[in-house]
Amino acid sequence: MRFTGRSQSVPTPNTHDPSRVVTNDAVDFRLNGERVVLEAGSCWYLRLSDPHSVANRGTEDRVHLVVDAEVNDWLGEVFAEAARGLATR
């Protein structure tokens, strides 16, 4: 799971999974003004209460699976592990 490094304080975070759906390199996804490339085969936690936008400049449709989840101990540990990984970069 990719992690943006932002807090998971939202009670039902969404994860974006472009691995099972259609995406392309011409998609311009922005979060807080920064481009985020959601590669096929990855899963992302994004705090979409922050300013964000998407423009599909490609010729293919863009379809992502978005999952809303409640934070439990397991998911909290996944976020903590991902954050630790960011801290070691």
Foldseek 3Di string as FASTA:
>chain_A
DAEPLDDPPPQWWKKKAQQVHDDDPQKFKDFPRDTDDRDHPDMYTDDPVGDIDIDRPDPDDRDIDMDTHGDDPVNVVVNVVNNVVVVVD
